[in-house]
Amino acid sequence: MSTSFEKYQKRRLISSYFSVVISISLVLFLLGMLGLLVLNTKKVADHFKEQIALSIYLKETAKEVEITQLQKSLSLADYTKSAVYVPKEEAAEKLSVEIGEDFIDYLGDNPLQNSIDVFLNADFVTPELMEEITNELLAKGFVDEVIYDKPLIALLNDNIKRISFWVLIISGVFTFIAVLLINSSIRLSVYSKRFTIKTMQMVGATKSFIRKPFIWKSIKLGVVGIFVAWIGMGVVIYSLNKTFPELLLIEQPLILGAMFLSIFVLGVFISWLSTFFATQRFLNLRTDELYY
């Protein structure tokens, strides 16, 4: 009878430890992913900004030397990420593919213009700076028109500010929830040992002596959970890097190292703190209060 009871208690203990490890690893994994999002919010925003092209349409009278000089000056400009010259023949081919028919046969002529597509560095993709660049380009006599998506840029900048704000708010809330979840799991684990705690106290053991094995056990479980979270984070980061290589996630070892270290410190600290207060609570209870 006692053997079966001991087995039952052992299974309960293992189940309790397992739930603590799973809780810690899952919460820390989600925190790590949220941290990755926060750290890369600007990079993601910059990536989208740099996909917006500023198209410079050239007059038919534009000389080849003028076009070449303009392209070179654009390539050297601080605001330029890349500048691509698009002859009207190439533009016609692309348009024909998009609409599914050769419009030149229908019109009898190519109405498109030679152009230069300029992709700007993210810091310059604002309504004010792009307007300045546009005016500067229009001052050149051989430039006919400069076109870019003004509403999209305004919307993009507004949304980036809004998203960044809410990401920070959500990060704070989620961190608080994470602490509560890990704390609850550890408290349940300690709760199953409340009678052992009280027995040790009754035979004269000091509070620090009683707390020590519980704290060490929780820290060990926390470390296991941290390593599980690390593995999950590593898999996700590797997958994201393969899917979005332009984000260069793996090529920022200092940021990744700091994030992994932060997860480790946070996991150990929460495990220690939760166990300390959980054991302290049962140490301060009277024996008859342990049954409630």
C-alpha atoms as a PDB file:
ATOM      1  CA  MET A   1       0.000   0.000   0.000  1.00  0.00           C
ATOM      2  CA  SER A   2       2.758   2.391   0.992  1.00  0.00           C
ATOM      3  CA  THR A   3       4.681   1.510  -2.162  1.00  0.00           C
ATOM      4  CA  SER A   4       1.766   2.423  -4.420  1.00  0.00           C
ATOM      5  CA  PHE A   5       1.265   5.649  -2.480  1.00  0.00           C
ATOM      6  CA  GLU A   6       4.941   6.507  -2.876  1.00  0.00           C
ATOM      7  CA  LYS A   7       4.701   5.848  -6.609  1.00  0.00           C
ATOM      8  CA  TYR A   8       1.642   8.068  -6.772  1.00  0.00           C
ATOM      9  CA  GLN A   9       3.462  10.832  -4.918  1.00  0.00           C
ATOM     10  CA  LYS A  10       6.474  10.439  -7.187  1.00  0.00           C
ATOM     11  CA  ARG A  11       4.284  10.715 -10.284  1.00  0.00           C
ATOM     12  CA  ARG A  12       2.640  13.829  -8.866  1.00  0.00           C
ATOM     13  CA  LEU A  13       6.041  15.333  -8.150  1.00  0.00           C
ATOM     14  CA  ILE A  14       7.343  14.587 -11.650  1.00  0.00           C
ATOM     15  CA  SER A  15       4.142  15.971 -13.145  1.00  0.00           C
ATOM     16  CA  SER A  16       4.538  19.105 -11.050  1.00  0.00           C
ATOM     17  CA  TYR A  17       8.147  19.573 -12.152  1.00  0.00           C
ATOM     18  CA  PHE A  18       7.203  18.943 -15.769  1.00  0.00           C
ATOM     19  CA  SER A  19       4.448  21.558 -15.664  1.00  0.00           C
ATOM     20  CA  VAL A  20       6.862  24.094 -14.155  1.00  0.00           C
ATOM     21  CA  VAL A  21       9.444  23.460 -16.894  1.00  0.00           C
ATOM     22  CA  ILE A  22       6.819  23.686 -19.647  1.00  0.00           C
ATOM     23  CA  SER A  23       5.353  26.879 -18.183  1.00  0.00           C
ATOM     24  CA  ILE A  24       8.746  28.539 -17.850  1.00  0.00           C
ATOM     25  CA  SER A  25       9.957  27.480 -21.300  1.00  0.00           C
ATOM     26  CA  LEU A  26       6.745  28.505 -23.058  1.00  0.00           C
ATOM     27  CA  VAL A  27       6.538  31.884 -21.361  1.00  0.00           C
ATOM     28  CA  LEU A  28      10.233  32.644 -21.879  1.00  0.00           C
ATOM     29  CA  PHE A  29      10.000  31.538 -25.509  1.00  0.00           C
ATOM     30  CA  LEU A  30       7.118  33.936 -26.121  1.00  0.00           C
ATOM     31  CA  LEU A  31       8.971  36.687 -24.281  1.00  0.00           C
ATOM     32  CA  GLY A  32      12.028  36.027 -26.422  1.00  0.00           C
ATOM     33  CA  MET A  33       9.997  36.243 -29.617  1.00  0.00           C
ATOM     34  CA  LEU A  34       8.419  39.460 -28.413  1.00  0.00           C
ATOM     35  CA  GLY A  35      11.875  40.797 -27.588  1.00  0.00           C
ATOM     36  CA  LEU A  36      13.035  39.854 -31.076  1.00  0.00           C
ATOM     37  CA  LEU A  37      10.088  41.750 -32.527  1.00  0.00           C
ATOM     38  CA  VAL A  38      10.831  44.820 -30.406  1.00  0.00           C
ATOM     39  CA  LEU A  39      14.524  44.787 -31.323  1.00  0.00           C
ATOM     40  CA  ASN A  40      13.763  44.400 -35.020  1.00  0.00           C
ATOM     41  CA  THR A  41      10.743  46.692 -35.305  1.00  0.00           C
ATOM     42  CA  LYS A  42      12.834  49.457 -36.864  1.00  0.00           C
ATOM     43  CA  LYS A  43      14.593  47.043 -39.194  1.00  0.00           C
ATOM     44  CA  VAL A  44      11.281  45.616 -40.418  1.00  0.00           C
ATOM     45  CA  ALA A  45       9.874  49.120 -40.851  1.00  0.00           C
ATOM     46  CA  ASP A  46      13.000  50.212 -42.726  1.00  0.00           C
ATOM     47  CA  HIS A  47      12.709  47.199 -45.009  1.00  0.00           C
ATOM     48  CA  PHE A  48       9.196  48.194 -46.063  1.00  0.00           C
ATOM     49  CA  LYS A  49      10.171  51.840 -46.472  1.00  0.00           C
ATOM     50  CA  GLU A  50      13.034  50.938 -48.766  1.00  0.00           C
ATOM     51  CA  GLN A  51      10.680  49.079 -51.116  1.00  0.00           C
ATOM     52  CA  ILE A  52       8.977  52.333 -52.104  1.00  0.00           C
ATOM     53  CA  ALA A  53      10.306  53.717 -55.382  1.00  0.00           C
ATOM     54  CA  LEU A  54      10.558  57.325 -56.430  1.00  0.00           C
ATOM     55  CA  SER A  55      10.147  57.321 -60.220  1.00  0.00           C
ATOM     56  CA  ILE A  56      11.831  60.068 -62.233  1.00  0.00           C
ATOM     57  CA  TYR A  57      10.375  60.382 -65.732  1.00  0.00           C
ATOM     58  CA  LEU A  58      12.672  61.979 -68.288  1.00  0.00           C
ATOM     59  CA  LYS A  59      11.761  64.137 -71.249  1.00  0.00           C
ATOM     60  CA  GLU A  60      12.275  62.805 -74.755  1.00  0.00           C
ATOM     61  CA  THR A  61      14.813  65.577 -75.293  1.00  0.00           C
ATOM     62  CA  ALA A  62      16.990  64.372 -72.421  1.00  0.00           C
ATOM     63  CA  LYS A  63      20.503  63.627 -73.630  1.00  0.00           C
ATOM     64  CA  GLU A  64      22.248  60.395 -72.790  1.00  0.00           C
ATOM     65  CA  VAL A  65      25.044  62.225 -71.000  1.00  0.00           C
ATOM     66  CA  GLU A  66      22.494  64.056 -68.832  1.00  0.00           C
ATOM     67  CA  ILE A  67      20.792  60.796 -67.938  1.00  0.00           C
ATOM     68  CA  THR A  68      24.125  59.177 -67.075  1.00  0.00           C
ATOM     69  CA  GLN A  69      25.187  62.116 -64.915  1.00  0.00           C
ATOM     70  CA  LEU A  70      21.842  62.141 -63.122  1.00  0.00           C
ATOM     71  CA  GLN A  71      22.039  58.429 -62.436  1.00  0.00           C
ATOM     72  CA  LYS A  72      25.576  58.766 -61.071  1.00  0.00           C
ATOM     73  CA  SER A  73      24.678  61.738 -58.880  1.00  0.00           C
ATOM     74  CA  LEU A  74      21.663  59.859 -57.543  1.00  0.00           C
ATOM     75  CA  SER A  75      23.790  56.806 -56.771  1.00  0.00           C
ATOM     76  CA  LEU A  76      26.180  58.986 -54.753  1.00  0.00           C
ATOM     77  CA  ALA A  77      23.450  60.879 -52.895  1.00  0.00           C
ATOM     78  CA  ASP A  78      23.027  60.247 -49.162  1.00  0.00           C
ATOM     79  CA  TYR A  79      19.357  59.476 -49.558  1.00  0.00           C
ATOM     80  CA  THR A  80      19.778  56.822 -52.264  1.00  0.00           C
ATOM     81  CA  LYS A  81      19.864  53.109 -51.572  1.00  0.00           C
ATOM     82  CA  SER A  82      19.802  52.222 -55.261  1.00  0.00           C
ATOM     83  CA  ALA A  83      18.994  53.911 -58.566  1.00  0.00           C
ATOM     84  CA  VAL A  84      17.935  51.909 -61.609  1.00  0.00           C
ATOM     85  CA  TYR A  85      17.584  53.306 -65.112  1.00  0.00           C
ATOM     86  CA  VAL A  86      14.510  51.920 -66.892  1.00  0.00           C
ATOM     87  CA  PRO A  87      14.441  52.509 -70.684  1.00  0.00           C
ATOM     88  CA  LYS A  88      10.980  52.961 -72.120  1.00  0.00           C
ATOM     89  CA  GLU A  89      11.361  49.721 -74.095  1.00  0.00           C
ATOM     90  CA  GLU A  90      11.909  47.772 -70.889  1.00  0.00           C
ATOM     91  CA  ALA A  91       9.002  49.574 -69.231  1.00  0.00           C
ATOM     92  CA  ALA A  92       6.793  48.641 -72.194  1.00  0.00           C
ATOM     93  CA  GLU A  93       7.748  44.977 -71.878  1.00  0.00           C
ATOM     94  CA  LYS A  94       6.898  44.949 -68.169  1.00  0.00           C
ATOM     95  CA  LEU A  95       3.584  46.685 -68.755  1.00  0.00           C
ATOM     96  CA  SER A  96       2.684  44.252 -71.542  1.00  0.00           C
ATOM     97  CA  VAL A  97       3.320  41.339 -69.189  1.00  0.00           C
ATOM     98  CA  GLU A  98       1.213  42.953 -66.462  1.00  0.00           C
ATOM     99  CA  ILE A  99      -1.807  43.680 -68.679  1.00  0.00           C
ATOM    100  CA  GLY A 100      -1.437  40.486 -70.691  1.00  0.00           C
ATOM    101  CA  GLU A 101      -1.282  42.055 -74.153  1.00  0.00           C
ATOM    102  CA  ASP A 102       1.058  44.058 -76.353  1.00  0.00           C
ATOM    103  CA  PHE A 103      -0.393  47.555 -76.162  1.00  0.00           C
ATOM    104  CA  ILE A 104       2.208  48.918 -78.619  1.00  0.00           C
ATOM    105  CA  ASP A 105       0.624  46.913 -81.452  1.00  0.00           C
ATOM    106  CA  TYR A 106      -2.693  48.503 -80.572  1.00  0.00           C
ATOM    107  CA  LEU A 107      -1.392  52.065 -80.190  1.00  0.00           C
ATOM    108  CA  GLY A 108       1.228  51.856 -82.892  1.00  0.00           C
ATOM    109  CA  ASP A 109       3.778  53.628 -80.713  1.00  0.00           C
ATOM    110  CA  ASN A 110       5.370  53.419 -77.264  1.00  0.00           C
ATOM    111  CA  PRO A 111       3.938  56.279 -75.182  1.00  0.00           C
ATOM    112  CA  LEU A 112       6.064  55.483 -72.132  1.00  0.00           C
ATOM    113  CA  GLN A 113       9.052  57.529 -71.043  1.00  0.00           C
ATOM    114  CA  ASN A 114      12.561  56.660 -69.993  1.00  0.00           C
ATOM    115  CA  SER A 115      12.768  56.742 -66.228  1.00  0.00           C
ATOM    116  CA  ILE A 116      14.988  56.214 -63.221  1.00  0.00           C
ATOM    117  CA  ASP A 117      13.588  54.346 -60.229  1.00  0.00           C
ATOM    118  CA  VAL A 118      15.197  55.551 -57.013  1.00  0.00           C
ATOM    119  CA  PHE A 119      14.890  53.506 -53.837  1.00  0.00           C
ATOM    120  CA  LEU A 120      15.651  55.668 -50.828  1.00  0.00           C
ATOM    121  CA  ASN A 121      17.303  54.880 -47.531  1.00  0.00           C
ATOM    122  CA  ALA A 122      14.647  54.419 -44.882  1.00  0.00           C
ATOM    123  CA  ASP A 123      15.526  57.581 -42.929  1.00  0.00           C
ATOM    124  CA  PHE A 124      14.637  59.699 -45.955  1.00  0.00           C
ATOM    125  CA  VAL A 125      11.255  58.092 -46.596  1.00  0.00           C
ATOM    126  CA  THR A 126       9.150  60.817 -45.010  1.00  0.00           C
ATOM    127  CA  PRO A 127       6.660  63.130 -46.735  1.00  0.00           C
ATOM    128  CA  GLU A 128       8.779  66.220 -46.031  1.00  0.00           C
ATOM    129  CA  LEU A 129      12.133  64.864 -47.218  1.00  0.00           C
ATOM    130  CA  MET A 130      10.680  63.210 -50.290  1.00  0.00           C
ATOM    131  CA  GLU A 131       9.013  66.483 -51.235  1.00  0.00           C
ATOM    132  CA  GLU A 132      12.388  68.226 -50.965  1.00  0.00           C
ATOM    133  CA  ILE A 133      14.043  65.585 -53.140  1.00  0.00           C
ATOM    134  CA  THR A 134      11.226  65.855 -55.679  1.00  0.00           C
ATOM    135  CA  ASN A 135      11.573  69.636 -55.946  1.00  0.00           C
ATOM    136  CA  GLU A 136      15.336  69.303 -56.329  1.00  0.00           C
ATOM    137  CA  LEU A 137      14.915  66.840 -59.196  1.00  0.00           C
ATOM    138  CA  LEU A 138      12.179  68.838 -60.931  1.00  0.00           C
ATOM    139  CA  ALA A 139      14.538  71.790 -61.073  1.00  0.00           C
ATOM    140  CA  LYS A 140      16.500  69.911 -63.730  1.00  0.00           C
ATOM    141  CA  GLY A 141      15.277  70.890 -67.183  1.00  0.00           C
ATOM    142  CA  PHE A 142      15.297  67.378 -68.654  1.00  0.00           C
ATOM    143  CA  VAL A 143      13.179  65.884 -65.835  1.00  0.00           C
ATOM    144  CA  ASP A 144       9.540  65.784 -66.852  1.00  0.00           C
ATOM    145  CA  GLU A 145       7.892  64.376 -63.738  1.00  0.00           C
ATOM    146  CA  VAL A 146       8.663  62.781 -60.376  1.00  0.00           C
ATOM    147  CA  ILE A 147       6.103  60.351 -58.998  1.00  0.00           C
ATOM    148  CA  TYR A 148       5.854  58.455 -55.729  1.00  0.00           C
ATOM    149  CA  ASP A 149       3.014  57.162 -53.606  1.00  0.00           C
ATOM    150  CA  LYS A 150       2.417  60.044 -51.185  1.00  0.00           C
ATOM    151  CA  PRO A 151      -0.597  58.528 -49.370  1.00  0.00           C
ATOM    152  CA  LEU A 152       1.268  55.249 -48.861  1.00  0.00           C
ATOM    153  CA  ILE A 153       4.288  56.993 -47.327  1.00  0.00           C
ATOM    154  CA  ALA A 154       2.144  59.049 -44.958  1.00  0.00           C
ATOM    155  CA  LEU A 155       0.165  55.952 -43.987  1.00  0.00           C
ATOM    156  CA  LEU A 156       3.311  53.873 -43.544  1.00  0.00           C
ATOM    157  CA  ASN A 157       4.962  56.408 -41.242  1.00  0.00           C
ATOM    158  CA  ASP A 158       1.818  56.821 -39.149  1.00  0.00           C
ATOM    159  CA  ASN A 159       1.334  53.073 -38.821  1.00  0.00           C
ATOM    160  CA  ILE A 160       4.968  52.484 -37.874  1.00  0.00           C
ATOM    161  CA  LYS A 161       4.698  54.995 -35.027  1.00  0.00           C
ATOM    162  CA  ARG A 162       1.419  53.483 -33.887  1.00  0.00           C
ATOM    163  CA  ILE A 163       2.677  49.903 -34.074  1.00  0.00           C
ATOM    164  CA  SER A 164       5.923  50.745 -32.251  1.00  0.00           C
ATOM    165  CA  PHE A 165       3.949  52.326 -29.415  1.00  0.00           C
ATOM    166  CA  TRP A 166       1.609  49.360 -29.033  1.00  0.00           C
ATOM    167  CA  VAL A 167       4.442  46.838 -29.279  1.00  0.00           C
ATOM    168  CA  LEU A 168       6.077  48.484 -26.261  1.00  0.00           C
ATOM    169  CA  ILE A 169       2.789  48.500 -24.339  1.00  0.00           C
ATOM    170  CA  ILE A 170       2.091  44.859 -25.179  1.00  0.00           C
ATOM    171  CA  SER A 171       5.659  43.931 -24.225  1.00  0.00           C
ATOM    172  CA  GLY A 172       5.195  45.432 -20.778  1.00  0.00           C
ATOM    173  CA  VAL A 173       1.822  43.758 -20.242  1.00  0.00           C
ATOM    174  CA  PHE A 174       3.061  40.411 -21.507  1.00  0.00           C
ATOM    175  CA  THR A 175       6.133  40.543 -19.266  1.00  0.00           C
ATOM    176  CA  PHE A 176       3.865  41.117 -16.272  1.00  0.00           C
ATOM    177  CA  ILE A 177       1.621  38.206 -17.305  1.00  0.00           C
ATOM    178  CA  ALA A 178       4.689  36.013 -17.833  1.00  0.00           C
ATOM    179  CA  VAL A 179       5.878  36.688 -14.300  1.00  0.00           C
ATOM    180  CA  LEU A 180       2.429  35.815 -12.943  1.00  0.00           C
ATOM    181  CA  LEU A 181       2.245  32.558 -14.921  1.00  0.00           C
ATOM    182  CA  ILE A 182       5.675  31.349 -13.848  1.00  0.00           C
ATOM    183  CA  ASN A 183       4.958  32.438 -10.287  1.00  0.00           C
ATOM    184  CA  SER A 184       1.685  30.475 -10.268  1.00  0.00           C
ATOM    185  CA  SER A 185       3.351  27.309 -11.571  1.00  0.00           C
ATOM    186  CA  ILE A 186       6.109  27.470  -8.969  1.00  0.00           C
ATOM    187  CA  ARG A 187       3.656  28.247  -6.178  1.00  0.00           C
ATOM    188  CA  LEU A 188       1.638  25.155  -7.089  1.00  0.00           C
ATOM    189  CA  SER A 189       4.821  23.106  -6.991  1.00  0.00           C
ATOM    190  CA  VAL A 190       5.726  24.468  -3.557  1.00  0.00           C
ATOM    191  CA  TYR A 191       2.126  24.055  -2.377  1.00  0.00           C
ATOM    192  CA  SER A 192       2.405  20.287  -2.755  1.00  0.00           C
ATOM    193  CA  LYS A 193       5.290  20.402  -0.256  1.00  0.00           C
ATOM    194  CA  ARG A 194       3.640  22.696   2.288  1.00  0.00           C
ATOM    195  CA  PHE A 195       3.398  20.019   4.977  1.00  0.00           C
ATOM    196  CA  THR A 196       7.073  19.154   4.536  1.00  0.00           C
ATOM    197  CA  ILE A 197       7.921  22.829   4.944  1.00  0.00           C
ATOM    198  CA  LYS A 198       5.899  23.110   8.125  1.00  0.00           C
ATOM    199  CA  THR A 199       7.338  19.852   9.533  1.00  0.00           C
ATOM    200  CA  MET A 200      10.887  21.095   8.990  1.00  0.00           C
ATOM    201  CA  GLN A 201       9.973  24.360  10.673  1.00  0.00           C
ATOM    202  CA  MET A 202       8.450  22.576  13.655  1.00  0.00           C
ATOM    203  CA  VAL A 203      11.623  20.560  14.293  1.00  0.00           C
ATOM    204  CA  GLY A 204      13.672  23.741  14.455  1.00  0.00           C
ATOM    205  CA  ALA A 205      14.944  24.346  10.921  1.00  0.00           C
ATOM    206  CA  THR A 206      15.508  27.994  10.087  1.00  0.00           C
ATOM    207  CA  LYS A 207      13.572  29.686   7.303  1.00  0.00           C
ATOM    208  CA  SER A 208      16.654  30.153   5.144  1.00  0.00           C
ATOM    209  CA  PHE A 209      17.585  26.478   5.574  1.00  0.00           C
ATOM    210  CA  ILE A 210      14.073  25.405   4.528  1.00  0.00           C
ATOM    211  CA  ARG A 211      13.952  27.767   1.565  1.00  0.00           C
ATOM    212  CA  LYS A 212      17.345  26.808   0.156  1.00  0.00           C
ATOM    213  CA  PRO A 213      16.518  23.384  -1.402  1.00  0.00           C
ATOM    214  CA  PHE A 214      13.255  24.694  -2.846  1.00  0.00           C
ATOM    215  CA  ILE A 215      14.976  27.688  -4.406  1.00  0.00           C
ATOM    216  CA  TRP A 216      17.751  25.560  -5.883  1.00  0.00           C
ATOM    217  CA  LYS A 217      15.247  23.074  -7.267  1.00  0.00           C
ATOM    218  CA  SER A 218      13.220  25.872  -8.880  1.00  0.00           C
ATOM    219  CA  ILE A 219      16.342  27.458 -10.350  1.00  0.00           C
ATOM    220  CA  LYS A 220      17.363  24.097 -11.830  1.00  0.00           C
ATOM    221  CA  LEU A 221      13.898  23.646 -13.316  1.00  0.00           C
ATOM    222  CA  GLY A 222      14.065  27.230 -14.542  1.00  0.00           C
ATOM    223  CA  VAL A 223      17.387  26.578 -16.273  1.00  0.00           C
ATOM    224  CA  VAL A 224      15.918  23.520 -18.000  1.00  0.00           C
ATOM    225  CA  GLY A 225      12.980  25.656 -19.123  1.00  0.00           C
ATOM    226  CA  ILE A 226      15.393  28.336 -20.333  1.00  0.00           C
ATOM    227  CA  PHE A 227      17.290  25.854 -22.491  1.00  0.00           C
ATOM    228  CA  VAL A 228      14.036  24.562 -23.978  1.00  0.00           C
ATOM    229  CA  ALA A 229      13.024  28.163 -24.718  1.00  0.00           C
ATOM    230  CA  TRP A 230      16.444  28.812 -26.273  1.00  0.00           C
ATOM    231  CA  ILE A 231      16.043  25.834 -28.594  1.00  0.00           C
ATOM    232  CA  GLY A 232      12.609  27.048 -29.685  1.00  0.00           C
ATOM    233  CA  MET A 233      13.903  30.577 -30.226  1.00  0.00           C
ATOM    234  CA  GLY A 234      16.860  29.285 -32.221  1.00  0.00           C
ATOM    235  CA  VAL A 235      14.609  27.271 -34.521  1.00  0.00           C
ATOM    236  CA  VAL A 236      12.281  30.230 -35.113  1.00  0.00           C
ATOM    237  CA  ILE A 237      15.145  32.676 -35.711  1.00  0.00           C
ATOM    238  CA  TYR A 238      16.769  30.269 -38.169  1.00  0.00           C
ATOM    239  CA  SER A 239      13.469  29.823 -40.027  1.00  0.00           C
ATOM    240  CA  LEU A 240      12.819  33.566 -40.134  1.00  0.00           C
ATOM    241  CA  ASN A 241      16.336  34.197 -41.387  1.00  0.00           C
ATOM    242  CA  LYS A 242      15.807  31.744 -44.245  1.00  0.00           C
ATOM    243  CA  THR A 243      12.407  33.231 -45.092  1.00  0.00           C
ATOM    244  CA  PHE A 244      13.443  36.888 -44.731  1.00  0.00           C
ATOM    245  CA  PRO A 245      17.221  36.982 -45.350  1.00  0.00           C
ATOM    246  CA  GLU A 246      17.095  40.752 -45.853  1.00  0.00           C
ATOM    247  CA  LEU A 247      16.470  41.185 -42.107  1.00  0.00           C
ATOM    248  CA  LEU A 248      19.933  39.716 -41.378  1.00  0.00           C
ATOM    249  CA  LEU A 249      18.760  38.239 -38.078  1.00  0.00           C
ATOM    250  CA  ILE A 250      21.691  35.868 -37.648  1.00  0.00           C
ATOM    251  CA  GLU A 251      24.199  38.549 -38.616  1.00  0.00           C
ATOM    252  CA  GLN A 252      23.645  40.522 -35.412  1.00  0.00           C
ATOM    253  CA  PRO A 253      25.333  38.306 -32.783  1.00  0.00           C
ATOM    254  CA  LEU A 254      25.541  41.003 -30.106  1.00  0.00           C
ATOM    255  CA  ILE A 255      21.796  41.660 -30.155  1.00  0.00           C
ATOM    256  CA  LEU A 256      20.952  37.958 -30.225  1.00  0.00           C
ATOM    257  CA  GLY A 257      23.463  37.238 -27.465  1.00  0.00           C
ATOM    258  CA  ALA A 258      22.016  40.010 -25.305  1.00  0.00           C
ATOM    259  CA  MET A 259      18.502  38.701 -25.903  1.00  0.00           C
ATOM    260  CA  PHE A 260      19.404  35.107 -25.006  1.00  0.00           C
ATOM    261  CA  LEU A 261      21.289  36.302 -21.921  1.00  0.00           C
ATOM    262  CA  SER A 262      18.315  38.442 -20.876  1.00  0.00           C
ATOM    263  CA  ILE A 263      16.022  35.433 -21.170  1.00  0.00           C
ATOM    264  CA  PHE A 264      18.420  33.415 -18.986  1.00  0.00           C
ATOM    265  CA  VAL A 265      18.675  36.106 -16.309  1.00  0.00           C
ATOM    266  CA  LEU A 266      14.923  36.710 -16.344  1.00  0.00           C
ATOM    267  CA  GLY A 267      14.136  33.001 -16.065  1.00  0.00           C
ATOM    268  CA  VAL A 268      16.509  32.461 -13.145  1.00  0.00           C
ATOM    269  CA  PHE A 269      15.386  35.627 -11.368  1.00  0.00           C
ATOM    270  CA  ILE A 270      11.668  34.865 -11.676  1.00  0.00           C
ATOM    271  CA  SER A 271      12.249  31.276 -10.501  1.00  0.00           C
ATOM    272  CA  TRP A 272      14.201  32.476  -7.471  1.00  0.00           C
ATOM    273  CA  LEU A 273      11.794  35.264  -6.587  1.00  0.00           C
ATOM    274  CA  SER A 274       8.649  33.160  -6.988  1.00  0.00           C
ATOM    275  CA  THR A 275      10.042  30.313  -4.897  1.00  0.00           C
ATOM    276  CA  PHE A 276      11.233  32.693  -2.196  1.00  0.00           C
ATOM    277  CA  PHE A 277       7.807  34.247  -1.731  1.00  0.00           C
ATOM    278  CA  ALA A 278       5.951  30.936  -2.118  1.00  0.00           C
ATOM    279  CA  THR A 279       7.979  29.245   0.623  1.00  0.00           C
ATOM    280  CA  GLN A 280       7.822  32.367   2.770  1.00  0.00           C
ATOM    281  CA  ARG A 281       4.040  32.289   2.576  1.00  0.00           C
ATOM    282  CA  PHE A 282       3.799  28.716   3.871  1.00  0.00           C
ATOM    283  CA  LEU A 283       6.434  29.380   6.511  1.00  0.00           C
ATOM    284  CA  ASN A 284       4.280  32.171   7.892  1.00  0.00           C
ATOM    285  CA  LEU A 285       1.085  30.103   7.989  1.00  0.00           C
ATOM    286  CA  ARG A 286      -0.166  28.317  11.080  1.00  0.00           C
ATOM    287  CA  THR A 287      -0.451  24.540  10.859  1.00  0.00           C
ATOM    288  CA  ASP A 288      -4.268  24.574  10.740  1.00  0.00           C
ATOM    289  CA  GLU A 289      -4.161  27.081   7.835  1.00  0.00           C
ATOM    290  CA  LEU A 290      -2.288  24.618   5.613  1.00  0.00           C
ATOM    291  CA  TYR A 291      -5.523  22.727   4.967  1.00  0.00           C
ATOM    292  CA  TYR A 292      -7.244  25.685   3.305  1.00  0.00           C
END
